[in-house]
C-alpha atoms as a PDB file:
ATOM      1  CA  MET A   1       3.522  36.810 -16.644  1.00  0.00           C
ATOM      2  CA  GLU A   2       3.762  36.782 -12.860  1.00  0.00           C
ATOM      3  CA  ILE A   3       0.312  34.953 -12.708  1.00  0.00           C
ATOM      4  CA  TYR A   4       1.797  32.234 -14.741  1.00  0.00           C
ATOM      5  CA  GLU A   5       4.790  31.908 -12.404  1.00  0.00           C
ATOM      6  CA  LYS A   6       2.654  31.869  -9.576  1.00  0.00           C
ATOM      7  CA  TYR A   7       0.252  29.143 -11.001  1.00  0.00           C
ATOM      8  CA  LEU A   8       3.452  26.898 -12.069  1.00  0.00           C
ATOM      9  CA  LEU A   9       4.821  27.382  -8.353  1.00  0.00           C
ATOM     10  CA  LYS A  10       1.808  26.426  -6.626  1.00  0.00           C
ATOM     11  CA  LYS A  11       1.205  23.535  -8.969  1.00  0.00           C
ATOM     12  CA  ILE A  12       4.603  22.213  -7.982  1.00  0.00           C
ATOM     13  CA  GLU A  13       3.738  22.825  -4.374  1.00  0.00           C
ATOM     14  CA  LEU A  14       0.367  20.903  -4.921  1.00  0.00           C
ATOM     15  CA  ASP A  15       2.118  17.835  -6.325  1.00  0.00           C
ATOM     16  CA  ARG A  16       4.673  17.883  -3.292  1.00  0.00           C
ATOM     17  CA  VAL A  17       1.892  17.971  -0.851  1.00  0.00           C
ATOM     18  CA  LYS A  18      -0.177  15.142  -2.912  1.00  0.00           C
ATOM     19  CA  SER A  19       2.822  13.167  -2.603  1.00  0.00           C
ATOM     20  CA  GLU A  20       3.508  13.592   1.053  1.00  0.00           C
ATOM     21  CA  LEU A  21      -0.215  12.752   1.680  1.00  0.00           C
ATOM     22  CA  GLU A  22      -0.102   9.590  -0.348  1.00  0.00           C
ATOM     23  CA  SER A  23       3.064   8.479   1.772  1.00  0.00           C
ATOM     24  CA  LEU A  24       1.127   9.095   4.979  1.00  0.00           C
ATOM     25  CA  GLN A  25      -1.834   7.083   3.631  1.00  0.00           C
ATOM     26  CA  GLY A  26       0.435   4.179   2.840  1.00  0.00           C
ATOM     27  CA  GLN A  27       1.754   4.471   6.431  1.00  0.00           C
ATOM     28  CA  ILE A  28      -1.827   4.462   7.800  1.00  0.00           C
ATOM     29  CA  TYR A  29      -2.707   1.429   5.642  1.00  0.00           C
ATOM     30  CA  GLU A  30       0.499  -0.346   6.819  1.00  0.00           C
ATOM     31  CA  HIS A  31      -0.437   0.537  10.352  1.00  0.00           C
ATOM     32  CA  ASN A  32      -3.781  -1.063  10.152  1.00  0.00           C
ATOM     33  CA  ILE A  33      -3.019  -3.882   7.938  1.00  0.00           C
ATOM     34  CA  ASP A  34      -3.831  -6.621  10.332  1.00  0.00           C
ATOM     35  CA  ALA A  35      -7.345  -5.347  11.036  1.00  0.00           C
ATOM     36  CA  ILE A  36      -7.833  -4.708   7.270  1.00  0.00           C
ATOM     37  CA  LYS A  37      -6.949  -8.334   6.498  1.00  0.00           C
ATOM     38  CA  ALA A  38      -9.020  -9.617   9.134  1.00  0.00           C
ATOM     39  CA  LYS A  39     -12.035  -7.614   7.841  1.00  0.00           C
ATOM     40  CA  GLY A  40     -11.514  -8.036   4.186  1.00  0.00           C
ATOM     41  CA  LEU A  41     -13.369  -5.628   2.043  1.00  0.00           C
ATOM     42  CA  GLY A  42     -15.262  -2.777   3.313  1.00  0.00           C
ATOM     43  CA  SER A  43     -14.489  -0.444   6.320  1.00  0.00           C
ATOM     44  CA  ILE A  44     -12.556  -0.643   9.248  1.00  0.00           C
ATOM     45  CA  THR A  45     -12.518   1.827  12.094  1.00  0.00           C
ATOM     46  CA  ALA A  46     -10.088   1.801  14.754  1.00  0.00           C
ATOM     47  CA  ASN A  47      -9.012   4.210  17.574  1.00  0.00           C
ATOM     48  CA  HIS A  48      -5.447   4.916  17.793  1.00  0.00           C
ATOM     49  CA  GLY A  49      -4.642   7.227  20.898  1.00  0.00           C
ATOM     50  CA  ALA A  50      -6.375  10.498  20.324  1.00  0.00           C
ATOM     51  CA  PHE A  51      -7.498   9.582  16.740  1.00  0.00           C
ATOM     52  CA  LYS A  52     -10.204   7.551  15.020  1.00  0.00           C
ATOM     53  CA  VAL A  53      -9.033   6.091  11.774  1.00  0.00           C
ATOM     54  CA  SER A  54     -11.370   4.744   9.155  1.00  0.00           C
ATOM     55  CA  VAL A  55      -9.953   2.854   6.053  1.00  0.00           C
ATOM     56  CA  THR A  56     -12.160   1.615   3.144  1.00  0.00           C
ATOM     57  CA  SER A  57     -10.928  -0.760   0.861  1.00  0.00           C
ATOM     58  CA  GLY A  58     -12.928  -2.574  -2.160  1.00  0.00           C
ATOM     59  CA  GLU A  59     -12.449  -3.859  -5.411  1.00  0.00           C
ATOM     60  CA  SER A  60     -14.133  -3.221  -8.994  1.00  0.00           C
ATOM     61  CA  VAL A  61     -15.019  -6.122 -11.399  1.00  0.00           C
ATOM     62  CA  LYS A  62     -14.852  -6.209 -15.084  1.00  0.00           C
ATOM     63  CA  TRP A  63     -16.944  -8.881 -16.915  1.00  0.00           C
ATOM     64  CA  ASP A  64     -15.651 -10.706 -20.091  1.00  0.00           C
ATOM     65  CA  GLU A  65     -19.039  -9.937 -22.088  1.00  0.00           C
ATOM     66  CA  LYS A  66     -18.139 -12.472 -24.833  1.00  0.00           C
ATOM     67  CA  GLU A  67     -17.677 -15.175 -22.433  1.00  0.00           C
ATOM     68  CA  LEU A  68     -20.864 -14.255 -20.450  1.00  0.00           C
ATOM     69  CA  ASN A  69     -22.735 -14.402 -23.877  1.00  0.00           C
ATOM     70  CA  ASN A  70     -21.404 -17.739 -24.613  1.00  0.00           C
ATOM     71  CA  ILE A  71     -22.945 -18.934 -21.157  1.00  0.00           C
ATOM     72  CA  ALA A  72     -25.960 -17.111 -21.697  1.00  0.00           C
ATOM     73  CA  VAL A  73     -27.111 -19.257 -24.447  1.00  0.00           C
ATOM     74  CA  LYS A  74     -26.572 -22.412 -22.799  1.00  0.00           C
ATOM     75  CA  ILE A  75     -29.107 -21.747 -20.018  1.00  0.00           C
ATOM     76  CA  PRO A  76     -32.703 -21.370 -19.790  1.00  0.00           C
ATOM     77  CA  VAL A  77     -32.760 -18.417 -17.714  1.00  0.00           C
ATOM     78  CA  LYS A  78     -31.876 -14.765 -18.168  1.00  0.00           C
ATOM     79  CA  LEU A  79     -28.174 -14.156 -17.298  1.00  0.00           C
ATOM     80  CA  ASP A  80     -28.452 -11.219 -14.994  1.00  0.00           C
ATOM     81  CA  VAL A  81     -24.974 -10.465 -13.211  1.00  0.00           C
ATOM     82  CA  ASN A  82     -25.653  -8.723 -10.046  1.00  0.00           C
ATOM     83  CA  LYS A  83     -24.993  -9.425  -6.429  1.00  0.00           C
ATOM     84  CA  THR A  84     -28.447 -10.981  -5.727  1.00  0.00           C
ATOM     85  CA  TRP A  85     -28.418 -13.184  -8.798  1.00  0.00           C
ATOM     86  CA  LEU A  86     -25.022 -14.374  -8.243  1.00  0.00           C
ATOM     87  CA  LYS A  87     -25.768 -15.165  -4.433  1.00  0.00           C
ATOM     88  CA  ASP A  88     -28.828 -17.213  -5.641  1.00  0.00           C
ATOM     89  CA  LEU A  89     -26.846 -18.843  -8.603  1.00  0.00           C
ATOM     90  CA  LYS A  90     -24.215 -19.812  -5.990  1.00  0.00           C
ATOM     91  CA  GLU A  91     -26.654 -21.403  -3.705  1.00  0.00           C
ATOM     92  CA  PHE A  92     -28.631 -23.359  -6.408  1.00  0.00           C
ATOM     93  CA  ASN A  93     -25.991 -24.121  -9.216  1.00  0.00           C
ATOM     94  CA  LEU A  94     -22.273 -23.947  -8.061  1.00  0.00           C
ATOM     95  CA  ASP A  95     -21.049 -25.162 -11.301  1.00  0.00           C
ATOM     96  CA  LEU A  96     -22.723 -22.530 -13.349  1.00  0.00           C
ATOM     97  CA  TYR A  97     -21.790 -20.078 -10.679  1.00  0.00           C
ATOM     98  CA  ASP A  98     -18.081 -21.134 -11.134  1.00  0.00           C
ATOM     99  CA  GLU A  99     -18.197 -20.717 -14.796  1.00  0.00           C
ATOM    100  CA  VAL A 100     -19.833 -17.212 -14.632  1.00  0.00           C
ATOM    101  CA  MET A 101     -17.189 -16.007 -11.929  1.00  0.00           C
ATOM    102  CA  ALA A 102     -14.395 -17.235 -14.265  1.00  0.00           C
ATOM    103  CA  CYS A 103     -15.698 -14.414 -16.635  1.00  0.00           C
ATOM    104  CA  ALA A 104     -14.672 -11.871 -13.814  1.00  0.00           C
ATOM    105  CA  THR A 105     -11.582  -9.788 -13.390  1.00  0.00           C
ATOM    106  CA  TYR A 106     -11.285  -8.103 -10.035  1.00  0.00           C
ATOM    107  CA  THR A 107      -9.147  -5.083  -9.571  1.00  0.00           C
ATOM    108  CA  PRO A 108      -8.475  -3.518  -6.088  1.00  0.00           C
ATOM    109  CA  LYS A 109      -9.637  -0.020  -5.756  1.00  0.00           C
ATOM    110  CA  LYS A 110      -7.348   2.452  -4.028  1.00  0.00           C
ATOM    111  CA  PRO A 111      -8.277   2.583  -0.206  1.00  0.00           C
ATOM    112  CA  SER A 112      -9.904   5.815   1.121  1.00  0.00           C
ATOM    113  CA  PHE A 113      -8.746   7.159   4.659  1.00  0.00           C
ATOM    114  CA  LYS A 114     -10.556   9.286   7.098  1.00  0.00           C
ATOM    115  CA  VAL A 115      -8.873  10.344  10.220  1.00  0.00           C
ATOM    116  CA  GLU A 116     -10.524  12.163  13.015  1.00  0.00           C
ATOM    117  CA  ARG A 117      -9.283  13.795  16.411  1.00  0.00           C
ATOM    118  CA  ILE A 118     -11.465  12.180  19.079  1.00  0.00           C
ATOM    119  CA  ASN A 119     -13.119  14.701  21.261  1.00  0.00           C
ATOM    120  CA  GLU A 120     -11.500  13.918  24.741  1.00  0.00           C
ATOM    121  CA  GLU A 121     -14.260  15.582  26.639  1.00  0.00           C
ATOM    122  CA  ASN A 122     -16.826  13.057  25.901  1.00  0.00           C
END
């Protein structure tokens, strides 16, 4: 039974460490929020003293397939929702682009973080 007790204690410790890590990540995010807002989605890298910090943010998109199908029957070309197609559509038919984009729901992804100590010898 000792192994089970050990497991439960380690699980509690792991949960505590994860909570502390998430708190630190929140602080890192807040410390870099101006750069993140200026850059928008993607990665920002900044040096803070002896540390290089990278924060990557993004979003996922979910498409309303029923609404997309309703649009697809009204147009003579294949409705192929991908970045290239959307870019071309925006350039050539802004009204249809707006209609297609109304079918999208964007959800922010949890940011990822990377912190490295800068080698001061270089």
